[in-house]
Amino acid sequence: MNFNSQNITLVTLYGFFEDAQSQNPRHIQIPVAVQVQNELKTMLLETISRLGLPASAGAMKTFDPAEKYSSEEQLKIALNTAYLRDLDSVISLSNLPSDVHALDAIADLEYYYAIFTDNQNRKLYAFRRASQFKGITKSKLTWIDGGLLKMMTSSIFRLDIDFDYIVLDQDVFILRPSGFEFTANIGEQILQAAAANAQNISSAITYLDMTSISTYATTHKRSARLLAAIKSRNDLHLVDRNLLVQACQSYGVQILNPEQGQLTPDTGYEYDFLCILDRRAYTALLIPNQSEKYEAASRVQK
């Protein structure tokens, strides 16, 4: 881990704000006292510990956009991944405005992030979704003053115990996939890239016609995620036509031009076809003459 978390010399805090109509998006630096900087350092250390870093870095699984994850994981992904352009753009921001009154609009806070600088001027970025703040703004908060319970009227900024993920050099280390997907706008970027991903897949598997799938996936988020996952594979050119046809027939996916010409799924079978390509569709035959079809939400290669 190319960062000294025990010798941090500078901590700056930022918030991304956007109103309820997704208008007026803005990144603002939030001035913080030394005590708050120390708490942010503690949050970072807790995140690093939960991620198992640096020991776990080499064995971490790569984030898969089509996978269904638990609330906490230990995952990583390269910052230069195509659907992380929004995150990369945030990392590249500089000279952001500072506003001591930024948190007066705390209901507009979507996420916050801290930039940590160590004694060798290396930077680490840590992000956290602001869902806690949304609930607090709707709650009635009180405090004890001289034994008397009083209403709290000022804005409250509640720090969490850790971050959702951190970015160091060109790697993203993910503790909470849901927070990562939300703050990095993964779903929308993958949907926008569906057509391009379909084209890349057909370039690798030259006998496939991905036209119908491309059209389908641009309006179906789950299929767009499958396309992104399939496109990231480095063995697409090895997919055998006959074996793919057999897999489709076994799973009940109707296809056009199975023997020659450009192979493509029939209308209504686009999603299942993608599940086959992504190794998520499988059958079980444990009862005679009763084949059962299943879709794996998560799969681990043995």
C-alpha atoms as a PDB file:
ATOM      1  CA  MET A   1       0.000   0.000   0.000  1.00  0.00           C
ATOM      2  CA  ASN A   2       1.738   3.076  -1.295  1.00  0.00           C
ATOM      3  CA  PHE A   3       0.516   5.385   1.480  1.00  0.00           C
ATOM      4  CA  ASN A   4       1.538   5.985   5.107  1.00  0.00           C
ATOM      5  CA  SER A   5      -1.748   6.039   7.008  1.00  0.00           C
ATOM      6  CA  GLN A   6       0.149   6.495  10.276  1.00  0.00           C
ATOM      7  CA  ASN A   7       1.742   9.747   9.159  1.00  0.00           C
ATOM      8  CA  ILE A   8      -0.984  11.894   7.609  1.00  0.00           C
ATOM      9  CA  THR A   9      -0.094  15.561   7.399  1.00  0.00           C
ATOM     10  CA  LEU A  10      -3.215  17.040   5.790  1.00  0.00           C
ATOM     11  CA  VAL A  11      -6.928  16.204   5.713  1.00  0.00           C
ATOM     12  CA  THR A  12      -9.462  18.086   3.590  1.00  0.00           C
ATOM     13  CA  LEU A  13     -13.181  17.328   3.494  1.00  0.00           C
ATOM     14  CA  TYR A  14     -15.541  17.830   0.547  1.00  0.00           C
ATOM     15  CA  GLY A  15     -19.215  17.303  -0.096  1.00  0.00           C
ATOM     16  CA  PHE A  16     -21.193  16.690  -3.265  1.00  0.00           C
ATOM     17  CA  PHE A  17     -24.529  18.480  -3.111  1.00  0.00           C
ATOM     18  CA  GLU A  18     -27.554  18.172  -5.387  1.00  0.00           C
ATOM     19  CA  ASP A  19     -31.141  19.240  -4.771  1.00  0.00           C
ATOM     20  CA  ALA A  20     -34.189  16.973  -4.833  1.00  0.00           C
ATOM     21  CA  GLN A  21     -34.740  17.583  -8.548  1.00  0.00           C
ATOM     22  CA  SER A  22     -31.116  16.627  -9.325  1.00  0.00           C
ATOM     23  CA  GLN A  23     -30.380  20.269 -10.044  1.00  0.00           C
ATOM     24  CA  ASN A  24     -27.462  22.493  -9.064  1.00  0.00           C
ATOM     25  CA  PRO A  25     -24.822  19.743  -8.613  1.00  0.00           C
ATOM     26  CA  ARG A  26     -21.743  21.075  -6.835  1.00  0.00           C
ATOM     27  CA  HIS A  27     -18.568  19.971  -5.059  1.00  0.00           C
ATOM     28  CA  ILE A  28     -17.704  22.154  -2.073  1.00  0.00           C
ATOM     29  CA  GLN A  29     -14.850  22.048   0.419  1.00  0.00           C
ATOM     30  CA  ILE A  30     -16.101  21.916   4.006  1.00  0.00           C
ATOM     31  CA  PRO A  31     -13.743  23.580   6.535  1.00  0.00           C
ATOM     32  CA  VAL A  32     -13.083  21.277   9.506  1.00  0.00           C
ATOM     33  CA  ALA A  33     -11.423  21.706  12.890  1.00  0.00           C
ATOM     34  CA  VAL A  34      -8.421  19.643  13.981  1.00  0.00           C
ATOM     35  CA  GLN A  35     -10.604  17.356  16.115  1.00  0.00           C
ATOM     36  CA  VAL A  36     -12.739  16.511  13.093  1.00  0.00           C
ATOM     37  CA  GLN A  37      -9.632  15.878  10.992  1.00  0.00           C
ATOM     38  CA  ASN A  38      -8.502  13.389  13.626  1.00  0.00           C
ATOM     39  CA  GLU A  39     -11.879  11.642  13.507  1.00  0.00           C
ATOM     40  CA  LEU A  40     -11.623  11.395   9.723  1.00  0.00           C
ATOM     41  CA  LYS A  41      -8.203   9.782  10.158  1.00  0.00           C
ATOM     42  CA  THR A  42      -9.786   7.278  12.542  1.00  0.00           C
ATOM     43  CA  MET A  43     -12.464   6.528   9.941  1.00  0.00           C
ATOM     44  CA  LEU A  44      -9.749   5.887   7.364  1.00  0.00           C
ATOM     45  CA  LEU A  45      -7.846   3.527   9.656  1.00  0.00           C
ATOM     46  CA  GLU A  46     -11.060   1.601  10.361  1.00  0.00           C
ATOM     47  CA  THR A  47     -11.744   1.312   6.626  1.00  0.00           C
ATOM     48  CA  ILE A  48      -8.231   0.061   5.905  1.00  0.00           C
ATOM     49  CA  SER A  49      -8.588  -2.480   8.709  1.00  0.00           C
ATOM     50  CA  ARG A  50     -11.939  -3.783   7.440  1.00  0.00           C
ATOM     51  CA  LEU A  51     -10.522  -4.072   3.943  1.00  0.00           C
ATOM     52  CA  GLY A  52      -7.627  -6.096   5.332  1.00  0.00           C
ATOM     53  CA  LEU A  53      -5.099  -3.828   3.662  1.00  0.00           C
ATOM     54  CA  PRO A  54      -2.348  -3.989   2.733  1.00  0.00           C
ATOM     55  CA  ALA A  55      -2.156  -7.796   3.132  1.00  0.00           C
ATOM     56  CA  SER A  56      -5.384  -8.505   1.207  1.00  0.00           C
ATOM     57  CA  ALA A  57      -4.611  -6.360  -1.848  1.00  0.00           C
ATOM     58  CA  GLY A  58      -3.086  -9.128  -3.961  1.00  0.00           C
ATOM     59  CA  ALA A  59      -5.909 -11.604  -3.319  1.00  0.00           C
ATOM     60  CA  MET A  60      -8.866  -9.235  -3.606  1.00  0.00           C
ATOM     61  CA  LYS A  61     -11.569 -10.140  -6.102  1.00  0.00           C
ATOM     62  CA  THR A  62     -12.307  -7.671  -8.867  1.00  0.00           C
ATOM     63  CA  PHE A  63     -15.618  -5.817  -8.647  1.00  0.00           C
ATOM     64  CA  ASP A  64     -18.157  -7.256 -11.099  1.00  0.00           C
ATOM     65  CA  PRO A  65     -21.084  -4.970 -12.021  1.00  0.00           C
ATOM     66  CA  ALA A  66     -23.382  -7.950 -12.638  1.00  0.00           C
ATOM     67  CA  GLU A  67     -22.676  -9.557  -9.271  1.00  0.00           C
ATOM     68  CA  LYS A  68     -24.959  -9.245  -6.245  1.00  0.00           C
ATOM     69  CA  TYR A  69     -22.857  -8.481  -3.195  1.00  0.00           C
ATOM     70  CA  SER A  70     -23.451  -8.448   0.540  1.00  0.00           C
ATOM     71  CA  SER A  71     -23.373  -5.188   2.483  1.00  0.00           C
ATOM     72  CA  GLU A  72     -19.627  -5.456   3.133  1.00  0.00           C
ATOM     73  CA  GLU A  73     -16.984  -6.981   0.880  1.00  0.00           C
ATOM     74  CA  GLN A  74     -13.288  -6.714   0.090  1.00  0.00           C
ATOM     75  CA  LEU A  75     -13.122  -5.801  -3.602  1.00  0.00           C
ATOM     76  CA  LYS A  76     -10.963  -3.777  -5.922  1.00  0.00           C
ATOM     77  CA  ILE A  77     -11.152  -2.321  -9.416  1.00  0.00           C
ATOM     78  CA  ALA A  78      -8.886  -0.211 -11.588  1.00  0.00           C
ATOM     79  CA  LEU A  79      -9.708   3.494 -11.678  1.00  0.00           C
ATOM     80  CA  ASN A  80      -9.277   3.527 -15.467  1.00  0.00           C
ATOM     81  CA  THR A  81     -12.232   1.139 -15.927  1.00  0.00           C
ATOM     82  CA  ALA A  82     -14.576   2.608 -18.546  1.00  0.00           C
ATOM     83  CA  TYR A  83     -17.589   2.986 -16.256  1.00  0.00           C
ATOM     84  CA  LEU A  84     -15.570   4.818 -13.585  1.00  0.00           C
ATOM     85  CA  ARG A  85     -15.148   7.990 -15.613  1.00  0.00           C
ATOM     86  CA  ASP A  86     -17.351  10.001 -13.264  1.00  0.00           C
ATOM     87  CA  LEU A  87     -15.254   8.919 -10.283  1.00  0.00           C
ATOM     88  CA  ASP A  88     -12.045   9.655 -12.161  1.00  0.00           C
ATOM     89  CA  SER A  89     -13.390  13.126 -12.925  1.00  0.00           C
ATOM     90  CA  VAL A  90     -14.043  13.760  -9.234  1.00  0.00           C
ATOM     91  CA  ILE A  91     -10.507  12.652  -8.374  1.00  0.00           C
ATOM     92  CA  SER A  92      -9.195  15.129 -10.937  1.00  0.00           C
ATOM     93  CA  LEU A  93     -11.052  18.136  -9.517  1.00  0.00           C
ATOM     94  CA  SER A  94      -8.954  20.951  -8.092  1.00  0.00           C
ATOM     95  CA  ASN A  95      -9.353  24.452  -6.644  1.00  0.00           C
ATOM     96  CA  LEU A  96     -12.845  23.713  -5.370  1.00  0.00           C
ATOM     97  CA  PRO A  97     -14.664  26.509  -3.525  1.00  0.00           C
ATOM     98  CA  SER A  98     -14.757  26.460   0.262  1.00  0.00           C
ATOM     99  CA  ASP A  99     -17.931  27.425   2.090  1.00  0.00           C
ATOM    100  CA  VAL A 100     -18.396  27.488   5.863  1.00  0.00           C
ATOM    101  CA  HIS A 101     -22.168  27.521   5.288  1.00  0.00           C
ATOM    102  CA  ALA A 102     -22.216  24.540   2.902  1.00  0.00           C
ATOM    103  CA  LEU A 103     -23.910  22.290   5.447  1.00  0.00           C
ATOM    104  CA  ASP A 104     -26.812  24.678   5.820  1.00  0.00           C
ATOM    105  CA  ALA A 105     -28.100  22.735   2.792  1.00  0.00           C
ATOM    106  CA  ILE A 106     -27.378  19.369   4.401  1.00  0.00           C
ATOM    107  CA  ALA A 107     -30.518  17.822   2.876  1.00  0.00           C
ATOM    108  CA  ASP A 108     -28.819  18.251  -0.520  1.00  0.00           C
ATOM    109  CA  LEU A 109     -25.690  16.337   0.519  1.00  0.00           C
ATOM    110  CA  GLU A 110     -25.386  13.174  -1.608  1.00  0.00           C
ATOM    111  CA  TYR A 111     -21.964  12.033  -0.423  1.00  0.00           C
ATOM    112  CA  TYR A 112     -18.829  13.331   1.224  1.00  0.00           C
ATOM    113  CA  TYR A 113     -15.193  12.519   0.678  1.00  0.00           C
ATOM    114  CA  ALA A 114     -11.898  13.261   2.352  1.00  0.00           C
ATOM    115  CA  ILE A 115      -8.503  13.702   0.747  1.00  0.00           C
ATOM    116  CA  PHE A 116      -5.644  12.512   2.936  1.00  0.00           C
ATOM    117  CA  THR A 117      -2.043  13.557   2.268  1.00  0.00           C
ATOM    118  CA  ASP A 118       0.843  11.689   3.919  1.00  0.00           C
ATOM    119  CA  ASN A 119       4.354  12.839   4.803  1.00  0.00           C
ATOM    120  CA  GLN A 120       5.569  12.024   1.279  1.00  0.00           C
ATOM    121  CA  ASN A 121       2.821  14.127  -0.326  1.00  0.00           C
ATOM    122  CA  ARG A 122       0.941  11.038  -1.540  1.00  0.00           C
ATOM    123  CA  LYS A 123      -2.837  11.349  -1.679  1.00  0.00           C
ATOM    124  CA  LEU A 124      -5.591   8.925  -0.747  1.00  0.00           C
ATOM    125  CA  TYR A 125      -9.282   9.603  -1.424  1.00  0.00           C
ATOM    126  CA  ALA A 126     -12.039   8.175   0.789  1.00  0.00           C
ATOM    127  CA  PHE A 127     -15.773   8.332  -0.046  1.00  0.00           C
ATOM    128  CA  ARG A 128     -18.954   7.841   1.957  1.00  0.00           C
ATOM    129  CA  ARG A 129     -22.598   7.978   0.926  1.00  0.00           C
ATOM    130  CA  ALA A 130     -24.553  10.502   2.986  1.00  0.00           C
ATOM    131  CA  SER A 131     -27.654   8.426   3.737  1.00  0.00           C
ATOM    132  CA  GLN A 132     -27.220   8.985   7.484  1.00  0.00           C
ATOM    133  CA  PHE A 133     -27.650  12.717   7.046  1.00  0.00           C
ATOM    134  CA  LYS A 134     -30.899  12.298   5.115  1.00  0.00           C
ATOM    135  CA  GLY A 135     -32.485  10.572   8.090  1.00  0.00           C
ATOM    136  CA  ILE A 136     -31.154  13.047  10.610  1.00  0.00           C
ATOM    137  CA  THR A 137     -32.617  16.034   8.777  1.00  0.00           C
ATOM    138  CA  LYS A 138     -36.063  14.446   9.152  1.00  0.00           C
ATOM    139  CA  SER A 139     -35.603  13.604  12.848  1.00  0.00           C
ATOM    140  CA  LYS A 140     -36.266  15.707  15.932  1.00  0.00           C
ATOM    141  CA  LEU A 141     -32.911  16.070  17.675  1.00  0.00           C
ATOM    142  CA  THR A 142     -32.495  17.188  21.272  1.00  0.00           C
ATOM    143  CA  TRP A 143     -29.592  17.878  23.604  1.00  0.00           C
ATOM    144  CA  ILE A 144     -29.171  18.204  27.369  1.00  0.00           C
ATOM    145  CA  ASP A 145     -28.301  21.655  28.682  1.00  0.00           C
ATOM    146  CA  GLY A 146     -27.902  21.911  32.467  1.00  0.00           C
ATOM    147  CA  GLY A 147     -30.265  19.008  33.036  1.00  0.00           C
ATOM    148  CA  LEU A 148     -32.889  20.448  30.702  1.00  0.00           C
ATOM    149  CA  LEU A 149     -33.716  18.734  27.411  1.00  0.00           C
ATOM    150  CA  LYS A 150     -33.782  21.279  24.576  1.00  0.00           C
ATOM    151  CA  MET A 151     -34.499  21.120  20.870  1.00  0.00           C
ATOM    152  CA  MET A 152     -31.493  21.348  18.566  1.00  0.00           C
ATOM    153  CA  THR A 153     -32.049  23.861  15.797  1.00  0.00           C
ATOM    154  CA  SER A 154     -28.630  23.965  14.101  1.00  0.00           C
ATOM    155  CA  SER A 155     -27.534  21.664  11.262  1.00  0.00           C
ATOM    156  CA  ILE A 156     -26.036  18.306  12.249  1.00  0.00           C
ATOM    157  CA  PHE A 157     -23.210  16.582  10.391  1.00  0.00           C
ATOM    158  CA  ARG A 158     -22.825  13.016  11.602  1.00  0.00           C
ATOM    159  CA  LEU A 159     -19.545  11.277  10.863  1.00  0.00           C
ATOM    160  CA  ASP A 160     -19.644   7.540  10.210  1.00  0.00           C
ATOM    161  CA  ILE A 161     -17.212   4.981  11.609  1.00  0.00           C
ATOM    162  CA  ASP A 162     -15.667   4.219   8.222  1.00  0.00           C
ATOM    163  CA  PHE A 163     -15.791   4.992   4.498  1.00  0.00           C
ATOM    164  CA  ASP A 164     -17.495   3.039   1.708  1.00  0.00           C
ATOM    165  CA  TYR A 165     -14.335   2.846  -0.392  1.00  0.00           C
ATOM    166  CA  ILE A 166     -10.944   4.419  -0.912  1.00  0.00           C
ATOM    167  CA  VAL A 167      -8.956   5.374  -4.004  1.00  0.00           C
ATOM    168  CA  LEU A 168      -5.182   5.108  -3.990  1.00  0.00           C
ATOM    169  CA  ASP A 169      -3.021   5.634  -7.058  1.00  0.00           C
ATOM    170  CA  GLN A 170      -4.991   3.890  -9.834  1.00  0.00           C
ATOM    171  CA  ASP A 171      -6.853   1.387  -7.648  1.00  0.00           C
ATOM    172  CA  VAL A 172     -10.242   1.543  -5.956  1.00  0.00           C
ATOM    173  CA  PHE A 173     -10.649  -0.600  -2.824  1.00  0.00           C
ATOM    174  CA  ILE A 174     -14.313  -1.224  -2.034  1.00  0.00           C
ATOM    175  CA  LEU A 175     -15.780  -2.006   1.381  1.00  0.00           C
ATOM    176  CA  ARG A 176     -19.444  -1.302   0.593  1.00  0.00           C
ATOM    177  CA  PRO A 177     -20.438  -2.009  -3.012  1.00  0.00           C
ATOM    178  CA  SER A 178     -23.787  -0.214  -2.705  1.00  0.00           C
ATOM    179  CA  GLY A 179     -22.142   3.009  -1.532  1.00  0.00           C
ATOM    180  CA  PHE A 180     -19.526   2.692  -4.246  1.00  0.00           C
ATOM    181  CA  GLU A 181     -22.127   2.217  -6.988  1.00  0.00           C
ATOM    182  CA  PHE A 182     -24.212   5.146  -5.782  1.00  0.00           C
ATOM    183  CA  THR A 183     -21.459   7.724  -5.372  1.00  0.00           C
ATOM    184  CA  ALA A 184     -19.612   6.708  -8.554  1.00  0.00           C
ATOM    185  CA  ASN A 185     -22.849   6.667 -10.605  1.00  0.00           C
ATOM    186  CA  ILE A 186     -22.074   3.153 -11.843  1.00  0.00           C
ATOM    187  CA  GLY A 187     -25.569   2.171 -12.982  1.00  0.00           C
ATOM    188  CA  GLU A 188     -26.132   5.169 -15.233  1.00  0.00           C
ATOM    189  CA  GLN A 189     -22.689   4.965 -16.817  1.00  0.00           C
ATOM    190  CA  ILE A 190     -23.115   1.258 -17.567  1.00  0.00           C
ATOM    191  CA  LEU A 191     -26.516   1.909 -19.140  1.00  0.00           C
ATOM    192  CA  GLN A 192     -25.038   4.606 -21.370  1.00  0.00           C
ATOM    193  CA  ALA A 193     -22.229   2.266 -22.425  1.00  0.00           C
ATOM    194  CA  ALA A 194     -24.515  -0.689 -23.273  1.00  0.00           C
ATOM    195  CA  ALA A 195     -24.376  -0.231 -27.049  1.00  0.00           C
ATOM    196  CA  ALA A 196     -20.599   0.195 -27.081  1.00  0.00           C
ATOM    197  CA  ASN A 197     -20.118  -2.858 -24.864  1.00  0.00           C
ATOM    198  CA  ALA A 198     -22.327  -4.942 -27.164  1.00  0.00           C
ATOM    199  CA  GLN A 199     -20.233  -3.853 -30.135  1.00  0.00           C
ATOM    200  CA  ASN A 200     -17.011  -4.790 -28.335  1.00  0.00           C
ATOM    201  CA  ILE A 201     -18.374  -8.246 -27.561  1.00  0.00           C
ATOM    202  CA  SER A 202     -19.404  -8.858 -31.178  1.00  0.00           C
ATOM    203  CA  SER A 203     -15.919  -7.800 -32.273  1.00  0.00           C
ATOM    204  CA  ALA A 204     -14.449 -10.498 -30.024  1.00  0.00           C
ATOM    205  CA  ILE A 205     -17.045 -13.190 -30.833  1.00  0.00           C
ATOM    206  CA  THR A 206     -17.248 -12.548 -34.552  1.00  0.00           C
ATOM    207  CA  TYR A 207     -20.161 -14.908 -35.299  1.00  0.00           C
ATOM    208  CA  LEU A 208     -22.524 -13.013 -32.960  1.00  0.00           C
ATOM    209  CA  ASP A 209     -24.998 -10.364 -34.048  1.00  0.00           C
ATOM    210  CA  MET A 210     -25.530  -8.205 -30.954  1.00  0.00           C
ATOM    211  CA  THR A 211     -27.894  -5.687 -32.575  1.00  0.00           C
ATOM    212  CA  SER A 212     -31.056  -6.783 -30.778  1.00  0.00           C
ATOM    213  CA  ILE A 213     -29.216  -7.178 -27.484  1.00  0.00           C
ATOM    214  CA  SER A 214     -27.733  -3.704 -27.844  1.00  0.00           C
ATOM    215  CA  THR A 215     -31.181  -2.190 -28.303  1.00  0.00           C
ATOM    216  CA  TYR A 216     -32.652  -4.222 -25.454  1.00  0.00           C
ATOM    217  CA  ALA A 217     -29.889  -3.428 -22.958  1.00  0.00           C
ATOM    218  CA  THR A 218     -30.089   0.333 -23.405  1.00  0.00           C
ATOM    219  CA  THR A 219     -33.407   0.271 -21.537  1.00  0.00           C
ATOM    220  CA  HIS A 220     -32.798  -2.700 -19.203  1.00  0.00           C
ATOM    221  CA  LYS A 221     -30.316  -2.035 -16.412  1.00  0.00           C
ATOM    222  CA  ARG A 222     -29.677  -5.651 -15.466  1.00  0.00           C
ATOM    223  CA  SER A 223     -28.819  -6.592 -19.045  1.00  0.00           C
ATOM    224  CA  ALA A 224     -26.562  -3.547 -19.341  1.00  0.00           C
ATOM    225  CA  ARG A 225     -24.673  -4.755 -16.266  1.00  0.00           C
ATOM    226  CA  LEU A 226     -24.294  -8.206 -17.798  1.00  0.00           C
ATOM    227  CA  LEU A 227     -22.879  -6.633 -20.958  1.00  0.00           C
ATOM    228  CA  ALA A 228     -20.331  -4.684 -18.907  1.00  0.00           C
ATOM    229  CA  ALA A 229     -19.296  -7.837 -17.056  1.00  0.00           C
ATOM    230  CA  ILE A 230     -19.024  -9.920 -20.242  1.00  0.00           C
ATOM    231  CA  LYS A 231     -17.071  -7.215 -22.038  1.00  0.00           C
ATOM    232  CA  SER A 232     -14.429  -7.264 -19.283  1.00  0.00           C
ATOM    233  CA  ARG A 233     -13.606 -10.939 -19.924  1.00  0.00           C
ATOM    234  CA  ASN A 234     -10.355 -11.705 -21.722  1.00  0.00           C
ATOM    235  CA  ASP A 235     -11.465 -15.060 -23.157  1.00  0.00           C
ATOM    236  CA  LEU A 236     -14.386 -14.050 -25.373  1.00  0.00           C
ATOM    237  CA  HIS A 237     -12.536 -14.983 -28.548  1.00  0.00           C
ATOM    238  CA  LEU A 238     -12.365 -18.572 -27.269  1.00  0.00           C
ATOM    239  CA  VAL A 239     -16.152 -19.038 -27.003  1.00  0.00           C
ATOM    240  CA  ASP A 240     -17.022 -21.962 -29.276  1.00  0.00           C
ATOM    241  CA  ARG A 241     -20.088 -21.553 -31.475  1.00  0.00           C
ATOM    242  CA  ASN A 242     -21.291 -25.154 -31.179  1.00  0.00           C
ATOM    243  CA  LEU A 243     -20.897 -25.184 -27.402  1.00  0.00           C
ATOM    244  CA  LEU A 244     -22.745 -21.873 -27.122  1.00  0.00           C
ATOM    245  CA  VAL A 245     -25.595 -23.250 -29.244  1.00  0.00           C
ATOM    246  CA  GLN A 246     -25.740 -26.356 -27.053  1.00  0.00           C
ATOM    247  CA  ALA A 247     -25.859 -24.225 -23.904  1.00  0.00           C
ATOM    248  CA  CYS A 248     -28.721 -22.173 -25.342  1.00  0.00           C
ATOM    249  CA  GLN A 249     -30.673 -25.275 -26.303  1.00  0.00           C
ATOM    250  CA  SER A 250     -30.122 -26.805 -22.868  1.00  0.00           C
ATOM    251  CA  TYR A 251     -31.384 -23.653 -21.134  1.00  0.00           C
ATOM    252  CA  GLY A 252     -34.306 -23.160 -23.511  1.00  0.00           C
ATOM    253  CA  VAL A 253     -33.012 -20.005 -25.178  1.00  0.00           C
ATOM    254  CA  GLN A 254     -34.271 -19.734 -28.740  1.00  0.00           C
ATOM    255  CA  ILE A 255     -31.657 -18.482 -31.190  1.00  0.00           C
ATOM    256  CA  LEU A 256     -31.572 -17.539 -34.856  1.00  0.00           C
ATOM    257  CA  ASN A 257     -29.005 -18.918 -37.315  1.00  0.00           C
ATOM    258  CA  PRO A 258     -27.582 -21.580 -34.982  1.00  0.00           C
ATOM    259  CA  GLU A 259     -25.552 -23.345 -37.683  1.00  0.00           C
ATOM    260  CA  GLN A 260     -24.358 -20.577 -39.974  1.00  0.00           C
ATOM    261  CA  GLY A 261     -24.581 -16.843 -40.392  1.00  0.00           C
ATOM    262  CA  GLN A 262     -24.716 -14.352 -37.544  1.00  0.00           C
ATOM    263  CA  LEU A 263     -26.023 -16.055 -34.420  1.00  0.00           C
ATOM    264  CA  THR A 264     -28.413 -14.003 -32.270  1.00  0.00           C
ATOM    265  CA  PRO A 265     -31.073 -14.671 -29.617  1.00  0.00           C
ATOM    266  CA  ASP A 266     -34.696 -14.554 -30.676  1.00  0.00           C
ATOM    267  CA  THR A 267     -36.854 -11.705 -29.394  1.00  0.00           C
ATOM    268  CA  GLY A 268     -37.587 -12.134 -25.694  1.00  0.00           C
ATOM    269  CA  TYR A 269     -34.508 -14.246 -24.992  1.00  0.00           C
ATOM    270  CA  GLU A 270     -31.888 -11.483 -24.869  1.00  0.00           C
ATOM    271  CA  TYR A 271     -31.469 -11.517 -21.094  1.00  0.00           C
ATOM    272  CA  ASP A 272     -31.133 -15.299 -20.763  1.00  0.00           C
ATOM    273  CA  PHE A 273     -28.638 -15.319 -23.624  1.00  0.00           C
ATOM    274  CA  LEU A 274     -26.481 -12.821 -21.737  1.00  0.00           C
ATOM    275  CA  CYS A 275     -26.745 -14.951 -18.594  1.00  0.00           C
ATOM    276  CA  ILE A 276     -25.319 -17.870 -20.564  1.00  0.00           C
ATOM    277  CA  LEU A 277     -22.422 -15.781 -21.862  1.00  0.00           C
ATOM    278  CA  ASP A 278     -21.716 -14.551 -18.325  1.00  0.00           C
ATOM    279  CA  ARG A 279     -21.854 -18.092 -16.877  1.00  0.00           C
ATOM    280  CA  ARG A 280     -24.899 -17.320 -14.748  1.00  0.00           C
ATOM    281  CA  ALA A 281     -27.443 -19.641 -16.382  1.00  0.00           C
ATOM    282  CA  TYR A 282     -27.324 -23.312 -15.489  1.00  0.00           C
ATOM    283  CA  THR A 283     -29.552 -26.372 -15.358  1.00  0.00           C
ATOM    284  CA  ALA A 284     -29.942 -29.203 -12.875  1.00  0.00           C
ATOM    285  CA  LEU A 285     -31.290 -32.670 -13.659  1.00  0.00           C
ATOM    286  CA  LEU A 286     -31.810 -34.508 -10.382  1.00  0.00           C
ATOM    287  CA  ILE A 287     -35.332 -35.762 -11.078  1.00  0.00           C
ATOM    288  CA  PRO A 288     -35.794 -37.949 -14.183  1.00  0.00           C
ATOM    289  CA  ASN A 289     -37.219 -36.045 -17.157  1.00  0.00           C
ATOM    290  CA  GLN A 290     -37.440 -32.841 -15.105  1.00  0.00           C
ATOM    291  CA  SER A 291     -34.697 -30.410 -16.032  1.00  0.00           C
ATOM    292  CA  GLU A 292     -34.598 -27.325 -13.796  1.00  0.00           C
ATOM    293  CA  LYS A 293     -33.289 -23.918 -14.890  1.00  0.00           C
ATOM    294  CA  TYR A 294     -31.544 -21.516 -12.529  1.00  0.00           C
ATOM    295  CA  GLU A 295     -29.853 -18.140 -12.637  1.00  0.00           C
ATOM    296  CA  ALA A 296     -26.911 -17.498 -10.337  1.00  0.00           C
ATOM    297  CA  ALA A 297     -27.020 -14.082  -8.673  1.00  0.00           C
ATOM    298  CA  SER A 298     -23.457 -14.693  -7.547  1.00  0.00           C
ATOM    299  CA  ARG A 299     -21.000 -17.297  -8.747  1.00  0.00           C
ATOM    300  CA  VAL A 300     -17.532 -18.433  -7.770  1.00  0.00           C
ATOM    301  CA  GLN A 301     -15.394 -20.447 -10.146  1.00  0.00           C
ATOM    302  CA  LYS A 302     -14.053 -23.593  -8.508  1.00  0.00           C
END
